[in-house]
PDB file of N, CA and C in Angstrom:
ATOM      1  N   UNK A   1      72.786 251.748 239.651  1.00  0.00           N
ATOM      2  CA  UNK A   1      72.364 250.477 239.395  1.00  0.00           C
ATOM      3  C   UNK A   1      73.354 249.907 238.507  1.00  0.00           C
ATOM      4  N   UNK A   2      73.464 248.591 238.778  1.00  0.00           N
ATOM      5  CA  UNK A   2      74.532 247.709 238.063  1.00  0.00           C
ATOM      6  C   UNK A   2      73.738 246.869 237.007  1.00  0.00           C
ATOM      7  N   UNK A   3      74.415 246.644 235.907  1.00  0.00           N
ATOM      8  CA  UNK A   3      73.760 245.795 234.815  1.00  0.00           C
ATOM      9  C   UNK A   3      74.699 244.735 234.328  1.00  0.00           C
ATOM     10  N   UNK A   4      74.003 243.634 233.847  1.00  0.00           N
ATOM     11  CA  UNK A   4      74.775 242.568 233.158  1.00  0.00           C
ATOM     12  C   UNK A   4      74.309 242.303 231.823  1.00  0.00           C
ATOM     13  N   UNK A   5      75.272 241.850 230.929  1.00  0.00           N
ATOM     14  CA  UNK A   5      74.841 241.418 229.621  1.00  0.00           C
ATOM     15  C   UNK A   5      75.542 240.014 229.456  1.00  0.00           C
ATOM     16  N   UNK A   6      74.714 238.961 228.890  1.00  0.00           N
ATOM     17  CA  UNK A   6      75.202 237.797 228.501  1.00  0.00           C
ATOM     18  C   UNK A   6      74.627 237.337 227.108  1.00  0.00           C
ATOM     19  N   UNK A   7      75.598 236.554 226.451  1.00  0.00           N
ATOM     20  CA  UNK A   7      75.095 235.857 225.284  1.00  0.00           C
ATOM     21  C   UNK A   7      74.588 234.541 225.716  1.00  0.00           C
ATOM     22  N   UNK A   8      73.210 234.194 225.388  1.00  0.00           N
ATOM     23  CA  UNK A   8      72.701 233.084 225.883  1.00  0.00           C
ATOM     24  C   UNK A   8      72.591 231.902 224.942  1.00  0.00           C
ATOM     25  N   UNK A   9      72.490 232.037 223.657  1.00  0.00           N
ATOM     26  CA  UNK A   9      72.376 230.891 222.804  1.00  0.00           C
ATOM     27  C   UNK A   9      71.767 231.390 221.382  1.00  0.00           C
ATOM     28  N   UNK A  10      71.331 230.234 220.560  1.00  0.00           N
ATOM     29  CA  UNK A  10      70.832 230.347 219.317  1.00  0.00           C
ATOM     30  C   UNK A  10      69.416 230.045 219.341  1.00  0.00           C
ATOM     31  N   UNK A  11      68.600 230.826 218.728  1.00  0.00           N
ATOM     32  CA  UNK A  11      67.070 230.507 218.537  1.00  0.00           C
ATOM     33  C   UNK A  11      66.615 230.602 217.296  1.00  0.00           C
ATOM     34  N   UNK A  12      65.688 229.730 216.976  1.00  0.00           N
ATOM     35  CA  UNK A  12      64.835 229.966 215.661  1.00  0.00           C
ATOM     36  C   UNK A  12      64.120 231.404 215.931  1.00  0.00           C
ATOM     37  N   UNK A  13      63.932 232.100 214.713  1.00  0.00           N
ATOM     38  CA  UNK A  13      63.307 233.362 214.899  1.00  0.00           C
ATOM     39  C   UNK A  13      61.915 233.320 215.342  1.00  0.00           C
ATOM     40  N   UNK A  14      61.180 232.325 214.986  1.00  0.00           N
ATOM     41  CA  UNK A  14      59.753 232.348 215.433  1.00  0.00           C
ATOM     42  C   UNK A  14      59.781 231.991 216.999  1.00  0.00           C
ATOM     43  N   UNK A  15      60.646 231.120 217.367  1.00  0.00           N
ATOM     44  CA  UNK A  15      60.731 230.700 218.830  1.00  0.00           C
ATOM     45  C   UNK A  15      61.030 232.085 219.769  1.00  0.00           C
ATOM     46  N   UNK A  16      61.952 232.773 219.117  1.00  0.00           N
ATOM     47  CA  UNK A  16      62.363 233.974 219.886  1.00  0.00           C
ATOM     48  C   UNK A  16      61.191 235.046 219.906  1.00  0.00           C
ATOM     49  N   UNK A  17      60.435 235.163 218.695  1.00  0.00           N
ATOM     50  CA  UNK A  17      59.391 236.007 218.640  1.00  0.00           C
ATOM     51  C   UNK A  17      58.290 235.591 219.504  1.00  0.00           C
ATOM     52  N   UNK A  18      57.846 234.378 219.662  1.00  0.00           N
ATOM     53  CA  UNK A  18      56.939 233.936 220.699  1.00  0.00           C
ATOM     54  C   UNK A  18      57.476 234.168 222.106  1.00  0.00           C
ATOM     55  N   UNK A  19      58.494 233.834 222.366  1.00  0.00           N
ATOM     56  CA  UNK A  19      59.132 234.120 223.710  1.00  0.00           C
ATOM     57  C   UNK A  19      58.817 235.608 224.051  1.00  0.00           C
ATOM     58  N   UNK A  20      59.310 236.419 223.170  1.00  0.00           N
ATOM     59  CA  UNK A  20      59.170 237.955 223.407  1.00  0.00           C
ATOM     60  C   UNK A  20      57.649 238.377 223.664  1.00  0.00           C
ATOM     61  N   UNK A  21      56.838 237.780 222.842  1.00  0.00           N
ATOM     62  CA  UNK A  21      55.218 238.106 223.092  1.00  0.00           C
ATOM     63  C   UNK A  21      54.829 237.620 224.487  1.00  0.00           C
ATOM     64  N   UNK A  22      55.313 236.362 224.887  1.00  0.00           N
ATOM     65  CA  UNK A  22      55.002 236.040 226.112  1.00  0.00           C
ATOM     66  C   UNK A  22      55.509 236.901 227.308  1.00  0.00           C
ATOM     67  N   UNK A  23      56.778 237.198 227.180  1.00  0.00           N
ATOM     68  CA  UNK A  23      57.581 238.052 228.062  1.00  0.00           C
ATOM     69  C   UNK A  23      56.939 239.317 228.332  1.00  0.00           C
ATOM     70  N   UNK A  24      56.479 240.032 227.169  1.00  0.00           N
ATOM     71  CA  UNK A  24      55.912 241.328 227.149  1.00  0.00           C
ATOM     72  C   UNK A  24      54.696 241.361 227.877  1.00  0.00           C
ATOM     73  N   UNK A  25      53.891 240.182 227.877  1.00  0.00           N
ATOM     74  CA  UNK A  25      52.602 239.994 228.556  1.00  0.00           C
ATOM     75  C   UNK A  25      52.667 239.727 230.009  1.00  0.00           C
ATOM     76  N   UNK A  26      53.846 239.702 230.520  1.00  0.00           N
ATOM     77  CA  UNK A  26      53.948 239.231 232.033  1.00  0.00           C
ATOM     78  C   UNK A  26      53.333 240.541 232.698  1.00  0.00           C
ATOM     79  N   UNK A  27      52.692 240.284 233.792  1.00  0.00           N
ATOM     80  CA  UNK A  27      52.116 241.358 234.582  1.00  0.00           C
ATOM     81  C   UNK A  27      53.038 242.380 235.223  1.00  0.00           C
ATOM     82  N   UNK A  28      54.133 241.911 235.580  1.00  0.00           N
ATOM     83  CA  UNK A  28      55.137 242.691 236.278  1.00  0.00           C
ATOM     84  C   UNK A  28      56.143 243.235 235.162  1.00  0.00           C
ATOM     85  N   UNK A  29      56.507 244.491 235.291  1.00  0.00           N
ATOM     86  CA  UNK A  29      57.569 245.024 234.413  1.00  0.00           C
ATOM     87  C   UNK A  29      58.923 244.631 235.124  1.00  0.00           C
ATOM     88  N   UNK A  30      59.901 243.998 234.471  1.00  0.00           N
ATOM     89  CA  UNK A  30      60.954 243.691 235.084  1.00  0.00           C
ATOM     90  C   UNK A  30      62.209 244.355 234.278  1.00  0.00           C
ATOM     91  N   UNK A  31      63.346 244.298 235.047  1.00  0.00           N
ATOM     92  CA  UNK A  31      64.448 245.144 234.502  1.00  0.00           C
ATOM     93  C   UNK A  31      65.312 244.137 233.640  1.00  0.00           C
ATOM     94  N   UNK A  32      64.734 243.252 232.950  1.00  0.00           N
ATOM     95  CA  UNK A  32      65.305 242.382 232.079  1.00  0.00           C
ATOM     96  C   UNK A  32      64.886 242.391 230.752  1.00  0.00           C
ATOM     97  N   UNK A  33      65.715 242.239 229.695  1.00  0.00           N
ATOM     98  CA  UNK A  33      65.359 242.366 228.352  1.00  0.00           C
ATOM     99  C   UNK A  33      66.105 241.268 227.591  1.00  0.00           C
ATOM    100  N   UNK A  34      65.482 240.597 226.575  1.00  0.00           N
ATOM    101  CA  UNK A  34      66.185 239.748 225.738  1.00  0.00           C
ATOM    102  C   UNK A  34      66.283 240.288 224.236  1.00  0.00           C
ATOM    103  N   UNK A  35      67.353 240.210 223.866  1.00  0.00           N
ATOM    104  CA  UNK A  35      67.678 240.794 222.628  1.00  0.00           C
ATOM    105  C   UNK A  35      68.006 239.727 221.487  1.00  0.00           C
ATOM    106  N   UNK A  36      67.608 239.884 220.362  1.00  0.00           N
ATOM    107  CA  UNK A  36      67.981 238.804 219.248  1.00  0.00           C
ATOM    108  C   UNK A  36      68.676 239.652 218.142  1.00  0.00           C
ATOM    109  N   UNK A  37      69.759 238.947 217.412  1.00  0.00           N
ATOM    110  CA  UNK A  37      70.520 239.611 216.361  1.00  0.00           C
ATOM    111  C   UNK A  37      70.848 238.524 215.511  1.00  0.00           C
ATOM    112  N   UNK A  38      70.757 238.817 214.165  1.00  0.00           N
ATOM    113  CA  UNK A  38      71.142 238.050 213.089  1.00  0.00           C
ATOM    114  C   UNK A  38      72.683 237.921 213.106  1.00  0.00           C
ATOM    115  N   UNK A  39      73.353 238.970 213.671  1.00  0.00           N
ATOM    116  CA  UNK A  39      74.982 238.989 213.678  1.00  0.00           C
ATOM    117  C   UNK A  39      75.469 238.943 215.043  1.00  0.00           C
ATOM    118  N   UNK A  40      76.600 238.434 215.048  1.00  0.00           N
ATOM    119  CA  UNK A  40      77.378 238.504 216.438  1.00  0.00           C
ATOM    120  C   UNK A  40      78.354 239.652 216.498  1.00  0.00           C
ATOM    121  N   UNK A  41      77.741 240.742 216.338  1.00  0.00           N
ATOM    122  CA  UNK A  41      78.481 241.965 216.544  1.00  0.00           C
ATOM    123  C   UNK A  41      78.146 242.896 217.511  1.00  0.00           C
ATOM    124  N   UNK A  42      78.967 243.633 218.098  1.00  0.00           N
ATOM    125  CA  UNK A  42      78.704 244.781 219.098  1.00  0.00           C
ATOM    126  C   UNK A  42      77.671 245.687 218.524  1.00  0.00           C
ATOM    127  N   UNK A  43      77.937 246.211 217.352  1.00  0.00           N
ATOM    128  CA  UNK A  43      76.872 247.279 216.756  1.00  0.00           C
ATOM    129  C   UNK A  43      75.495 246.737 216.582  1.00  0.00           C
ATOM    130  N   UNK A  44      75.456 245.412 216.325  1.00  0.00           N
ATOM    131  CA  UNK A  44      73.999 244.786 216.223  1.00  0.00           C
ATOM    132  C   UNK A  44      73.263 244.848 217.556  1.00  0.00           C
ATOM    133  N   UNK A  45      74.052 244.542 218.730  1.00  0.00           N
ATOM    134  CA  UNK A  45      73.235 244.420 219.916  1.00  0.00           C
ATOM    135  C   UNK A  45      73.203 245.939 220.461  1.00  0.00           C
ATOM    136  N   UNK A  46      74.062 246.754 220.190  1.00  0.00           N
ATOM    137  CA  UNK A  46      73.805 248.170 220.640  1.00  0.00           C
ATOM    138  C   UNK A  46      72.640 248.734 219.940  1.00  0.00           C
ATOM    139  N   UNK A  47      72.362 248.366 218.674  1.00  0.00           N
ATOM    140  CA  UNK A  47      71.225 248.771 217.884  1.00  0.00           C
ATOM    141  C   UNK A  47      69.896 248.266 218.460  1.00  0.00           C
ATOM    142  N   UNK A  48      70.082 246.863 218.996  1.00  0.00           N
ATOM    143  CA  UNK A  48      68.901 246.230 219.559  1.00  0.00           C
ATOM    144  C   UNK A  48      68.497 246.906 221.015  1.00  0.00           C
ATOM    145  N   UNK A  49      69.478 247.496 221.632  1.00  0.00           N
ATOM    146  CA  UNK A  49      69.355 248.116 222.784  1.00  0.00           C
ATOM    147  C   UNK A  49      68.554 249.425 222.551  1.00  0.00           C
ATOM    148  N   UNK A  50      68.812 250.158 221.628  1.00  0.00           N
ATOM    149  CA  UNK A  50      68.157 251.316 221.150  1.00  0.00           C
ATOM    150  C   UNK A  50      66.663 251.199 220.929  1.00  0.00           C
ATOM    151  N   UNK A  51      66.250 249.947 220.628  1.00  0.00           N
ATOM    152  CA  UNK A  51      64.820 249.800 220.317  1.00  0.00           C
ATOM    153  C   UNK A  51      64.057 249.409 221.535  1.00  0.00           C
ATOM    154  N   UNK A  52      64.749 249.070 222.597  1.00  0.00           N
ATOM    155  CA  UNK A  52      64.134 248.738 223.911  1.00  0.00           C
ATOM    156  C   UNK A  52      63.501 249.856 224.687  1.00  0.00           C
ATOM    157  N   UNK A  53      62.186 249.802 224.951  1.00  0.00           N
ATOM    158  CA  UNK A  53      61.730 250.914 225.830  1.00  0.00           C
ATOM    159  C   UNK A  53      62.436 251.080 227.039  1.00  0.00           C
ATOM    160  N   UNK A  54      62.609 252.287 227.478  1.00  0.00           N
ATOM    161  CA  UNK A  54      63.271 252.522 228.697  1.00  0.00           C
ATOM    162  C   UNK A  54      62.755 251.838 229.830  1.00  0.00           C
ATOM    163  N   UNK A  55      63.552 251.132 230.656  1.00  0.00           N
ATOM    164  CA  UNK A  55      62.992 250.571 231.855  1.00  0.00           C
ATOM    165  C   UNK A  55      63.014 251.614 233.034  1.00  0.00           C
ATOM    166  N   UNK A  56      62.177 251.228 233.892  1.00  0.00           N
ATOM    167  CA  UNK A  56      62.105 252.179 235.095  1.00  0.00           C
ATOM    168  C   UNK A  56      63.479 252.211 235.805  1.00  0.00           C
ATOM    169  N   UNK A  57      63.964 253.421 235.792  1.00  0.00           N
ATOM    170  CA  UNK A  57      65.212 253.615 236.552  1.00  0.00           C
ATOM    171  C   UNK A  57      66.621 253.270 235.688  1.00  0.00           C
ATOM    172  N   UNK A  58      66.268 252.768 234.415  1.00  0.00           N
ATOM    173  CA  UNK A  58      67.656 252.423 233.678  1.00  0.00           C
ATOM    174  C   UNK A  58      68.237 253.599 233.268  1.00  0.00           C
ATOM    175  N   UNK A  59      69.620 253.533 233.312  1.00  0.00           N
ATOM    176  CA  UNK A  59      70.468 254.435 232.837  1.00  0.00           C
ATOM    177  C   UNK A  59      71.042 253.934 231.473  1.00  0.00           C
ATOM    178  N   UNK A  60      70.582 254.363 230.249  1.00  0.00           N
ATOM    179  CA  UNK A  60      70.839 253.700 229.019  1.00  0.00           C
ATOM    180  C   UNK A  60      72.377 253.775 228.648  1.00  0.00           C
ATOM    181  N   UNK A  61      73.059 254.822 229.263  1.00  0.00           N
ATOM    182  CA  UNK A  61      74.362 254.900 228.937  1.00  0.00           C
ATOM    183  C   UNK A  61      75.282 253.823 229.714  1.00  0.00           C
ATOM    184  N   UNK A  62      74.697 253.571 230.951  1.00  0.00           N
ATOM    185  CA  UNK A  62      75.412 252.531 231.679  1.00  0.00           C
ATOM    186  C   UNK A  62      75.205 251.080 231.032  1.00  0.00           C
ATOM    187  N   UNK A  63      73.969 251.017 230.547  1.00  0.00           N
ATOM    188  CA  UNK A  63      73.547 249.667 229.845  1.00  0.00           C
ATOM    189  C   UNK A  63      74.536 249.488 228.599  1.00  0.00           C
ATOM    190  N   UNK A  64      74.685 250.400 227.770  1.00  0.00           N
ATOM    191  CA  UNK A  64      75.559 250.443 226.619  1.00  0.00           C
ATOM    192  C   UNK A  64      76.873 250.180 227.023  1.00  0.00           C
ATOM    193  N   UNK A  65      77.354 250.865 228.134  1.00  0.00           N
ATOM    194  CA  UNK A  65      78.697 250.594 228.568  1.00  0.00           C
ATOM    195  C   UNK A  65      78.894 249.142 229.007  1.00  0.00           C
ATOM    196  N   UNK A  66      77.953 248.550 229.642  1.00  0.00           N
ATOM    197  CA  UNK A  66      77.936 247.202 230.059  1.00  0.00           C
ATOM    198  C   UNK A  66      78.195 246.365 228.875  1.00  0.00           C
ATOM    199  N   UNK A  67      77.372 246.501 227.869  1.00  0.00           N
ATOM    200  CA  UNK A  67      77.544 245.766 226.562  1.00  0.00           C
ATOM    201  C   UNK A  67      78.921 245.867 226.120  1.00  0.00           C
ATOM    202  N   UNK A  68      79.386 247.097 225.970  1.00  0.00           N
ATOM    203  CA  UNK A  68      80.816 247.247 225.365  1.00  0.00           C
ATOM    204  C   UNK A  68      81.732 246.611 226.255  1.00  0.00           C
ATOM    205  N   UNK A  69      81.639 246.732 227.633  1.00  0.00           N
ATOM    206  CA  UNK A  69      82.571 246.049 228.453  1.00  0.00           C
ATOM    207  C   UNK A  69      82.615 244.517 228.295  1.00  0.00           C
ATOM    208  N   UNK A  70      81.383 243.780 227.977  1.00  0.00           N
ATOM    209  CA  UNK A  70      81.446 242.519 227.739  1.00  0.00           C
ATOM    210  C   UNK A  70      82.072 242.209 226.520  1.00  0.00           C
ATOM    211  N   UNK A  71      81.866 243.020 225.488  1.00  0.00           N
ATOM    212  CA  UNK A  71      82.562 242.759 224.232  1.00  0.00           C
ATOM    213  C   UNK A  71      84.125 242.738 224.419  1.00  0.00           C
ATOM    214  N   UNK A  72      84.553 243.673 225.208  1.00  0.00           N
ATOM    215  CA  UNK A  72      85.979 243.963 225.337  1.00  0.00           C
ATOM    216  C   UNK A  72      86.551 242.660 226.097  1.00  0.00           C
ATOM    217  N   UNK A  73      85.949 242.283 227.048  1.00  0.00           N
ATOM    218  CA  UNK A  73      86.480 241.303 228.005  1.00  0.00           C
ATOM    219  C   UNK A  73      86.150 239.811 227.755  1.00  0.00           C
ATOM    220  N   UNK A  74      85.390 239.464 226.881  1.00  0.00           N
ATOM    221  CA  UNK A  74      84.871 238.090 226.657  1.00  0.00           C
ATOM    222  C   UNK A  74      84.955 237.585 225.030  1.00  0.00           C
ATOM    223  N   UNK A  75      86.221 237.771 224.597  1.00  0.00           N
ATOM    224  CA  UNK A  75      86.397 237.427 223.127  1.00  0.00           C
ATOM    225  C   UNK A  75      86.056 235.895 222.885  1.00  0.00           C
ATOM    226  N   UNK A  76      86.492 235.079 223.826  1.00  0.00           N
ATOM    227  CA  UNK A  76      86.245 233.674 223.582  1.00  0.00           C
ATOM    228  C   UNK A  76      84.762 233.194 223.346  1.00  0.00           C
ATOM    229  N   UNK A  77      83.977 233.618 224.305  1.00  0.00           N
ATOM    230  CA  UNK A  77      82.524 233.278 224.119  1.00  0.00           C
ATOM    231  C   UNK A  77      81.913 234.125 222.821  1.00  0.00           C
ATOM    232  N   UNK A  78      82.435 235.127 222.485  1.00  0.00           N
ATOM    233  CA  UNK A  78      81.975 235.800 221.328  1.00  0.00           C
ATOM    234  C   UNK A  78      82.208 234.964 220.076  1.00  0.00           C
ATOM    235  N   UNK A  79      83.527 234.574 220.065  1.00  0.00           N
ATOM    236  CA  UNK A  79      83.885 233.811 218.779  1.00  0.00           C
ATOM    237  C   UNK A  79      83.120 232.515 218.815  1.00  0.00           C
ATOM    238  N   UNK A  80      82.876 231.884 220.016  1.00  0.00           N
ATOM    239  CA  UNK A  80      82.090 230.599 219.939  1.00  0.00           C
ATOM    240  C   UNK A  80      80.732 230.911 219.447  1.00  0.00           C
ATOM    241  N   UNK A  81      79.968 231.992 219.983  1.00  0.00           N
ATOM    242  CA  UNK A  81      78.568 232.057 219.534  1.00  0.00           C
ATOM    243  C   UNK A  81      78.510 232.637 218.173  1.00  0.00           C
ATOM    244  N   UNK A  82      79.624 233.306 217.701  1.00  0.00           N
ATOM    245  CA  UNK A  82      79.588 233.653 216.396  1.00  0.00           C
ATOM    246  C   UNK A  82      79.739 232.588 215.259  1.00  0.00           C
ATOM    247  N   UNK A  83      80.511 231.459 215.604  1.00  0.00           N
ATOM    248  CA  UNK A  83      80.631 230.307 214.914  1.00  0.00           C
ATOM    249  C   UNK A  83      79.350 229.480 214.964  1.00  0.00           C
ATOM    250  N   UNK A  84      78.585 229.433 216.104  1.00  0.00           N
ATOM    251  CA  UNK A  84      77.347 228.597 216.332  1.00  0.00           C
ATOM    252  C   UNK A  84      76.383 229.129 215.544  1.00  0.00           C
ATOM    253  N   UNK A  85      76.258 230.613 215.489  1.00  0.00           N
ATOM    254  CA  UNK A  85      75.329 231.376 214.684  1.00  0.00           C
ATOM    255  C   UNK A  85      75.533 231.073 213.221  1.00  0.00           C
ATOM    256  N   UNK A  86      76.687 231.013 212.811  1.00  0.00           N
ATOM    257  CA  UNK A  86      76.922 230.625 211.311  1.00  0.00           C
ATOM    258  C   UNK A  86      76.543 229.318 210.982  1.00  0.00           C
ATOM    259  N   UNK A  87      76.886 228.481 212.009  1.00  0.00           N
ATOM    260  CA  UNK A  87      76.394 226.831 211.764  1.00  0.00           C
ATOM    261  C   UNK A  87      74.816 226.805 211.654  1.00  0.00           C
ATOM    262  N   UNK A  88      74.144 227.758 212.482  1.00  0.00           N
ATOM    263  CA  UNK A  88      72.770 227.469 212.542  1.00  0.00           C
ATOM    264  C   UNK A  88      72.002 227.858 211.329  1.00  0.00           C
ATOM    265  N   UNK A  89      72.497 228.864 210.655  1.00  0.00           N
ATOM    266  CA  UNK A  89      71.769 229.204 209.403  1.00  0.00           C
ATOM    267  C   UNK A  89      71.018 230.382 209.550  1.00  0.00           C
ATOM    268  N   UNK A  90      70.444 230.811 208.402  1.00  0.00           N
ATOM    269  CA  UNK A  90      69.630 232.161 208.304  1.00  0.00           C
ATOM    270  C   UNK A  90      68.498 232.250 209.169  1.00  0.00           C
ATOM    271  N   UNK A  91      67.813 231.225 209.467  1.00  0.00           N
ATOM    272  CA  UNK A  91      66.517 231.413 210.290  1.00  0.00           C
ATOM    273  C   UNK A  91      66.697 231.399 211.678  1.00  0.00           C
ATOM    274  N   UNK A  92      67.928 231.799 212.145  1.00  0.00           N
ATOM    275  CA  UNK A  92      68.119 231.768 213.575  1.00  0.00           C
ATOM    276  C   UNK A  92      68.750 233.133 214.070  1.00  0.00           C
ATOM    277  N   UNK A  93      68.605 233.390 215.485  1.00  0.00           N
ATOM    278  CA  UNK A  93      69.125 234.575 215.947  1.00  0.00           C
ATOM    279  C   UNK A  93      69.965 234.244 217.074  1.00  0.00           C
ATOM    280  N   UNK A  94      70.980 235.100 217.477  1.00  0.00           N
ATOM    281  CA  UNK A  94      71.717 234.961 218.669  1.00  0.00           C
ATOM    282  C   UNK A  94      70.979 235.814 219.749  1.00  0.00           C
ATOM    283  N   UNK A  95      70.748 235.103 220.814  1.00  0.00           N
ATOM    284  CA  UNK A  95      69.973 235.790 221.861  1.00  0.00           C
ATOM    285  C   UNK A  95      70.951 236.049 222.836  1.00  0.00           C
ATOM    286  N   UNK A  96      70.545 237.333 223.513  1.00  0.00           N
ATOM    287  CA  UNK A  96      71.346 237.865 224.595  1.00  0.00           C
ATOM    288  C   UNK A  96      70.292 238.486 225.587  1.00  0.00           C
ATOM    289  N   UNK A  97      70.925 238.527 226.824  1.00  0.00           N
ATOM    290  CA  UNK A  97      70.020 239.177 227.811  1.00  0.00           C
ATOM    291  C   UNK A  97      70.800 240.300 228.392  1.00  0.00           C
ATOM    292  N   UNK A  98      70.063 241.353 228.652  1.00  0.00           N
ATOM    293  CA  UNK A  98      70.660 242.524 229.452  1.00  0.00           C
ATOM    294  C   UNK A  98      69.603 242.817 230.554  1.00  0.00           C
ATOM    295  N   UNK A  99      70.241 243.196 231.661  1.00  0.00           N
ATOM    296  CA  UNK A  99      69.418 243.193 232.952  1.00  0.00           C
ATOM    297  C   UNK A  99      69.945 243.945 233.890  1.00  0.00           C
ATOM    298  N   UNK A 100      69.296 244.523 234.807  1.00  0.00           N
ATOM    299  CA  UNK A 100      69.884 245.196 236.061  1.00  0.00           C
ATOM    300  C   UNK A 100      69.935 244.069 236.926  1.00  0.00           C
ATOM    301  N   UNK A 101      70.967 243.982 237.770  1.00  0.00           N
ATOM    302  CA  UNK A 101      71.354 242.941 238.558  1.00  0.00           C
ATOM    303  C   UNK A 101      70.188 242.623 239.554  1.00  0.00           C
ATOM    304  N   UNK A 102      69.719 243.579 240.207  1.00  0.00           N
ATOM    305  CA  UNK A 102      68.608 243.333 241.158  1.00  0.00           C
ATOM    306  C   UNK A 102      67.402 242.631 240.604  1.00  0.00           C
ATOM    307  N   UNK A 103      67.007 242.930 239.237  1.00  0.00           N
ATOM    308  CA  UNK A 103      65.762 242.239 238.578  1.00  0.00           C
ATOM    309  C   UNK A 103      66.296 240.760 238.270  1.00  0.00           C
ATOM    310  N   UNK A 104      67.520 240.654 237.910  1.00  0.00           N
ATOM    311  CA  UNK A 104      67.848 239.153 237.563  1.00  0.00           C
ATOM    312  C   UNK A 104      67.970 238.397 238.784  1.00  0.00           C
ATOM    313  N   UNK A 105      68.483 239.007 239.849  1.00  0.00           N
ATOM    314  CA  UNK A 105      68.524 238.168 241.127  1.00  0.00           C
ATOM    315  C   UNK A 105      67.135 237.745 241.481  1.00  0.00           C
ATOM    316  N   UNK A 106      66.101 238.727 241.283  1.00  0.00           N
ATOM    317  CA  UNK A 106      64.747 238.496 241.788  1.00  0.00           C
ATOM    318  C   UNK A 106      64.149 237.340 240.974  1.00  0.00           C
ATOM    319  N   UNK A 107      64.425 237.407 239.542  1.00  0.00           N
ATOM    320  CA  UNK A 107      63.993 236.397 238.570  1.00  0.00           C
ATOM    321  C   UNK A 107      64.492 234.995 238.973  1.00  0.00           C
ATOM    322  N   UNK A 108      65.711 234.967 239.354  1.00  0.00           N
ATOM    323  CA  UNK A 108      66.278 233.707 239.618  1.00  0.00           C
ATOM    324  C   UNK A 108      65.607 233.067 240.997  1.00  0.00           C
ATOM    325  N   UNK A 109      65.515 233.898 241.865  1.00  0.00           N
ATOM    326  CA  UNK A 109      64.903 233.613 243.228  1.00  0.00           C
ATOM    327  C   UNK A 109      63.537 233.000 243.004  1.00  0.00           C
ATOM    328  N   UNK A 110      62.798 233.654 242.091  1.00  0.00           N
ATOM    329  CA  UNK A 110      61.449 233.234 241.860  1.00  0.00           C
ATOM    330  C   UNK A 110      61.465 231.933 241.168  1.00  0.00           C
ATOM    331  N   UNK A 111      62.263 231.697 240.297  1.00  0.00           N
ATOM    332  CA  UNK A 111      62.450 230.309 239.527  1.00  0.00           C
ATOM    333  C   UNK A 111      62.903 229.172 240.524  1.00  0.00           C
ATOM    334  N   UNK A 112      63.775 229.613 241.484  1.00  0.00           N
ATOM    335  CA  UNK A 112      64.163 228.649 242.535  1.00  0.00           C
ATOM    336  C   UNK A 112      62.961 228.236 243.460  1.00  0.00           C
ATOM    337  N   UNK A 113      62.178 229.295 243.744  1.00  0.00           N
ATOM    338  CA  UNK A 113      61.008 228.915 244.660  1.00  0.00           C
ATOM    339  C   UNK A 113      60.049 228.104 243.960  1.00  0.00           C
ATOM    340  N   UNK A 114      59.841 228.258 242.563  1.00  0.00           N
ATOM    341  CA  UNK A 114      58.873 227.415 242.017  1.00  0.00           C
ATOM    342  C   UNK A 114      59.331 225.993 241.885  1.00  0.00           C
ATOM    343  N   UNK A 115      60.518 225.787 242.045  1.00  0.00           N
ATOM    344  CA  UNK A 115      61.126 224.375 241.942  1.00  0.00           C
ATOM    345  C   UNK A 115      61.302 223.674 243.224  1.00  0.00           C
ATOM    346  N   UNK A 116      60.830 224.405 244.314  1.00  0.00           N
ATOM    347  CA  UNK A 116      60.989 223.792 245.627  1.00  0.00           C
ATOM    348  C   UNK A 116      59.752 223.132 245.903  1.00  0.00           C
TER     349      UNK A 116
END
């Protein structure tokens, strides 16, 4: 299985918490997780992954490797989001998404179908 990791943006803590509560209550279990961190650091996101319940069929080592590869290969977006997080202040988180490619594709297709 292939995975993807992306930094998505800055969110107030309460908004992120509410999103997570709604996401957890979805009837279908998806291979998508949203992570929040007070710091724009690799270690912070790796710790966040450790708290995620194992998804059906996920290989945690491959997920961790995907996050590390993102960090190695995307220094400009990382610097950008680090600066935006600093600008946003203490009551905000940097939000990222980790997902298996198949689940992410299915989620996007569902969103497109709803908009047609």
